[in-house]
């Protein structure tokens, strides 16, 4: 008589423990300077959000996203410079390019892991997924959705929440509304990136400044 109750308890325990996809392959590269590594991880955590979609005990989707704020862009460029031993003039040019890009679009890196790969086309038309940036001014949809490809070790060096079977995407949203107001007003503390379909809804919250 006790076995059914034990089975239910075990399934509940197992279901509650799985919050990330299995780790497969090498961990993403890290900097030899521990303080520099910790500083980058802190900036990454501030501007990143995570969420999952489940169907009972089955995983539908794991997702992580990072808002490419000027502060994060600088941290990412300096991390790249450390990995690649780039000269100072090259770094300054890269930082200038990143500042220009930040002024043109509210950009996100989106990493996703789906058990069913055929559901992972965020750029298909008509779209299966509705993607939205939600801020205090309302909701806007992307002006550009670009597939970056399967995540490799280099991509995991900058977005270590991704894994071997993840796919990276670049999402660009407008910086202003049709009336000229900023999509992310000054003083905004957090924004939300939502991906939703008939499979479920994932909402990733991260700092905006």
Protein backbone atom coordinates (compact mmCIF):
# COMPACT_ATOMS: atom_id res chain seq x y z
CA UNK A 1 0.00 0.00 0.00
CA UNK A 2 2.91 2.36 0.57
CA UNK A 3 4.52 1.95 -2.83
CA UNK A 4 2.24 4.34 -4.79
CA UNK A 5 2.83 7.10 -2.24
CA UNK A 6 6.58 6.51 -2.35
CA UNK A 7 6.53 6.69 -6.14
CA UNK A 8 4.61 9.98 -6.13
CA UNK A 9 7.00 11.45 -3.59
CA UNK A 10 10.02 10.33 -5.62
CA UNK A 11 8.64 11.80 -8.83
CA UNK A 12 7.88 15.09 -7.11
CA UNK A 13 11.40 15.21 -5.71
CA UNK A 14 12.97 14.47 -9.07
CA UNK A 15 10.75 16.99 -10.83
CA UNK A 16 11.70 19.71 -8.36
CA UNK A 17 15.43 19.07 -8.64
CA UNK A 18 15.85 19.47 -12.40
CA UNK A 19 16.14 23.18 -13.22
CA UNK A 20 18.92 23.14 -15.81
CA UNK A 21 19.73 20.89 -18.75
CA UNK A 22 22.36 18.20 -18.15
CA UNK A 23 25.92 19.49 -18.34
CA UNK A 24 27.61 17.93 -21.34
CA UNK A 25 31.12 18.65 -22.58
CA UNK A 26 33.67 21.12 -21.31
CA UNK A 27 32.84 24.10 -19.15
CA UNK A 28 33.19 27.50 -20.80
CA UNK A 29 36.66 29.11 -20.67
CA UNK A 30 37.41 31.36 -17.70
CA UNK A 31 40.00 34.05 -17.08
CA UNK A 32 43.11 33.10 -15.09
CA UNK A 33 42.69 36.30 -13.05
CA UNK A 34 40.12 35.25 -10.41
CA UNK A 35 39.09 38.81 -9.57
CA UNK A 36 38.53 39.66 -13.23
CA UNK A 37 36.51 36.46 -13.63
CA UNK A 38 34.35 37.23 -10.60
CA UNK A 39 33.78 40.79 -11.82
CA UNK A 40 32.60 39.58 -15.21
CA UNK A 41 30.31 36.94 -13.71
CA UNK A 42 28.74 39.64 -11.50
CA UNK A 43 28.02 41.91 -14.50
CA UNK A 44 26.69 38.94 -16.49
CA UNK A 45 24.35 37.92 -13.66
CA UNK A 46 23.03 41.47 -13.30
CA UNK A 47 22.00 41.81 -16.94
CA UNK A 48 20.88 38.21 -17.52
CA UNK A 49 17.69 36.28 -16.82
CA UNK A 50 16.70 32.60 -16.97
CA UNK A 51 13.46 30.66 -17.29
CA UNK A 52 12.15 27.23 -18.29
CA UNK A 53 9.04 25.72 -19.85
CA UNK A 54 7.83 22.32 -18.65
CA UNK A 55 5.03 19.96 -19.59
CA UNK A 56 4.58 17.97 -16.40
CA UNK A 57 7.93 16.32 -15.81
CA UNK A 58 9.06 16.86 -19.43
CA UNK A 59 11.27 19.79 -20.32
CA UNK A 60 10.08 21.88 -23.24
CA UNK A 61 12.61 24.71 -23.19
CA UNK A 62 15.48 26.15 -21.20
CA UNK A 63 16.31 29.78 -21.97
CA UNK A 64 18.74 32.44 -20.86
CA UNK A 65 19.10 36.00 -22.12
CA UNK A 66 21.46 38.90 -21.59
CA UNK A 67 20.62 42.55 -22.26
CA UNK A 68 23.52 44.19 -24.08
CA UNK A 69 23.73 47.33 -21.96
CA UNK A 70 26.75 49.63 -22.35
CA UNK A 71 28.13 48.27 -19.07
CA UNK A 72 27.81 44.66 -20.21
CA UNK A 73 29.20 45.43 -23.66
CA UNK A 74 32.32 46.93 -22.09
CA UNK A 75 32.75 43.94 -19.77
CA UNK A 76 32.35 41.53 -22.70
CA UNK A 77 34.85 43.41 -24.88
CA UNK A 78 37.43 43.56 -22.11
CA UNK A 79 36.95 39.84 -21.48
CA UNK A 80 37.52 39.17 -25.17
CA UNK A 81 40.59 41.41 -25.08
CA UNK A 82 41.99 39.41 -22.17
CA UNK A 83 41.37 36.08 -23.89
CA UNK A 84 42.84 37.22 -27.22
CA UNK A 85 45.61 39.52 -25.88
CA UNK A 86 44.32 42.39 -28.02
CA UNK A 87 46.23 45.69 -28.25
CA UNK A 88 44.78 48.79 -26.58
CA UNK A 89 43.93 50.58 -29.85
CA UNK A 90 41.93 47.59 -31.06
CA UNK A 91 40.02 47.46 -27.77
CA UNK A 92 39.18 51.16 -27.97
CA UNK A 93 37.86 50.70 -31.52
CA UNK A 94 35.74 47.75 -30.40
CA UNK A 95 34.32 49.74 -27.48
CA UNK A 96 33.42 52.63 -29.81
CA UNK A 97 31.64 50.20 -32.13
CA UNK A 98 29.73 48.70 -29.19
CA UNK A 99 28.61 52.13 -27.99
CA UNK A 100 27.34 52.93 -31.49
CA UNK A 101 25.47 49.62 -31.65
CA UNK A 102 23.90 50.21 -28.22
CA UNK A 103 22.53 53.55 -29.42
CA UNK A 104 20.83 51.94 -32.42
CA UNK A 105 18.97 49.04 -30.79
CA UNK A 106 18.04 47.38 -27.52
CA UNK A 107 19.89 44.15 -28.14
CA UNK A 108 19.74 40.78 -26.38
CA UNK A 109 21.71 37.59 -26.61
CA UNK A 110 19.22 34.72 -26.28
CA UNK A 111 20.34 31.16 -25.68
CA UNK A 112 17.82 28.31 -25.90
CA UNK A 113 17.75 24.56 -25.40
CA UNK A 114 14.75 22.62 -26.73
CA UNK A 115 14.29 18.87 -26.58
CA UNK A 116 12.44 19.10 -29.90
CA UNK A 117 14.71 21.02 -32.25
CA UNK A 118 11.93 21.61 -34.80
CA UNK A 119 10.33 24.06 -32.37
CA UNK A 120 13.49 26.16 -32.10
CA UNK A 121 13.10 28.42 -35.12
CA UNK A 122 12.48 31.86 -33.65
CA UNK A 123 12.86 33.55 -37.03
CA UNK A 124 10.33 31.48 -38.98
CA UNK A 125 7.36 33.09 -40.73
CA UNK A 126 4.62 32.93 -39.74
CA UNK A 127 6.16 32.87 -36.28
CA UNK A 128 5.47 30.07 -33.85
CA UNK A 129 6.97 32.12 -31.02
CA UNK A 130 5.91 35.59 -29.94
CA UNK A 131 8.97 37.45 -28.69
CA UNK A 132 8.52 40.68 -26.75
CA UNK A 133 10.51 43.18 -24.70
CA UNK A 134 8.33 44.42 -21.84
CA UNK A 135 9.23 47.71 -20.13
CA UNK A 136 7.37 50.39 -18.15
CA UNK A 137 6.29 51.94 -21.48
CA UNK A 138 4.66 48.73 -22.73
CA UNK A 139 5.68 45.94 -25.10
CA UNK A 140 7.66 45.95 -28.33
CA UNK A 141 8.58 43.17 -30.73
CA UNK A 142 11.97 42.59 -32.38
CA UNK A 143 13.04 44.44 -35.50
CA UNK A 144 15.61 41.71 -36.15
CA UNK A 145 16.02 38.06 -35.11
CA UNK A 146 19.34 36.53 -36.14
CA UNK A 147 20.41 32.93 -35.53
CA UNK A 148 24.02 32.84 -34.30
CA UNK A 149 24.22 29.06 -34.45
CA UNK A 150 24.96 26.18 -32.12
CA UNK A 151 26.74 27.25 -28.97
CA UNK A 152 30.45 26.44 -28.92
CA UNK A 153 33.18 26.94 -26.32
CA UNK A 154 33.86 30.47 -27.51
CA UNK A 155 30.22 31.50 -27.06
CA UNK A 156 30.12 29.80 -23.66
CA UNK A 157 33.12 31.87 -22.59
CA UNK A 158 30.82 34.91 -22.60
CA UNK A 159 27.45 33.25 -21.86
CA UNK A 160 28.31 30.30 -19.57
CA UNK A 161 24.65 29.60 -18.76
CA UNK A 162 24.40 28.02 -22.22
CA UNK A 163 25.39 24.44 -22.99
CA UNK A 164 26.53 22.15 -25.79
CA UNK A 165 23.04 21.58 -27.20
CA UNK A 166 21.94 25.21 -26.97
CA UNK A 167 21.49 27.64 -29.88
CA UNK A 168 22.37 31.31 -29.70
CA UNK A 169 20.24 34.12 -31.11
CA UNK A 170 20.65 37.87 -31.48
CA UNK A 171 17.50 39.91 -30.88
CA UNK A 172 17.23 43.60 -31.72
CA UNK A 173 14.39 45.82 -30.48
CA UNK A 174 13.75 49.51 -31.19
CA UNK A 175 15.10 52.12 -28.80
CA UNK A 176 12.14 54.48 -29.27
CA UNK A 177 8.38 54.17 -29.68
CA UNK A 178 6.45 55.62 -32.60
CA UNK A 179 5.85 58.78 -30.54
CA UNK A 180 9.57 59.22 -29.89
CA UNK A 181 9.52 58.10 -26.26
CA UNK A 182 12.31 55.72 -25.21
CA UNK A 183 11.35 52.06 -25.00
CA UNK A 184 13.47 51.79 -21.84
CA UNK A 185 12.99 55.11 -20.02
CA UNK A 186 15.82 56.51 -17.87
CA UNK A 187 15.57 55.15 -14.35
CA UNK A 188 14.09 51.79 -15.41
CA UNK A 189 15.33 49.18 -12.95
CA UNK A 190 14.32 45.96 -14.75
CA UNK A 191 13.01 44.77 -18.08
CA UNK A 192 11.43 41.48 -19.13
CA UNK A 193 12.10 39.42 -22.24
CA UNK A 194 9.24 37.04 -23.06
CA UNK A 195 9.12 34.14 -25.51
CA UNK A 196 5.73 32.46 -25.75
CA UNK A 197 3.99 29.89 -27.94
CA UNK A 198 1.54 27.02 -27.69
CA UNK A 199 4.31 25.13 -25.86
CA UNK A 200 4.31 27.63 -22.99
CA UNK A 201 5.81 30.92 -21.86
CA UNK A 202 9.29 31.83 -20.63
CA UNK A 203 9.92 35.22 -19.03
CA UNK A 204 13.43 36.42 -18.28
CA UNK A 205 13.89 39.41 -15.99
CA UNK A 206 17.13 41.38 -15.80
CA UNK A 207 18.49 44.75 -14.77
CA UNK A 208 18.15 47.58 -17.27
CA UNK A 209 20.87 49.90 -15.98
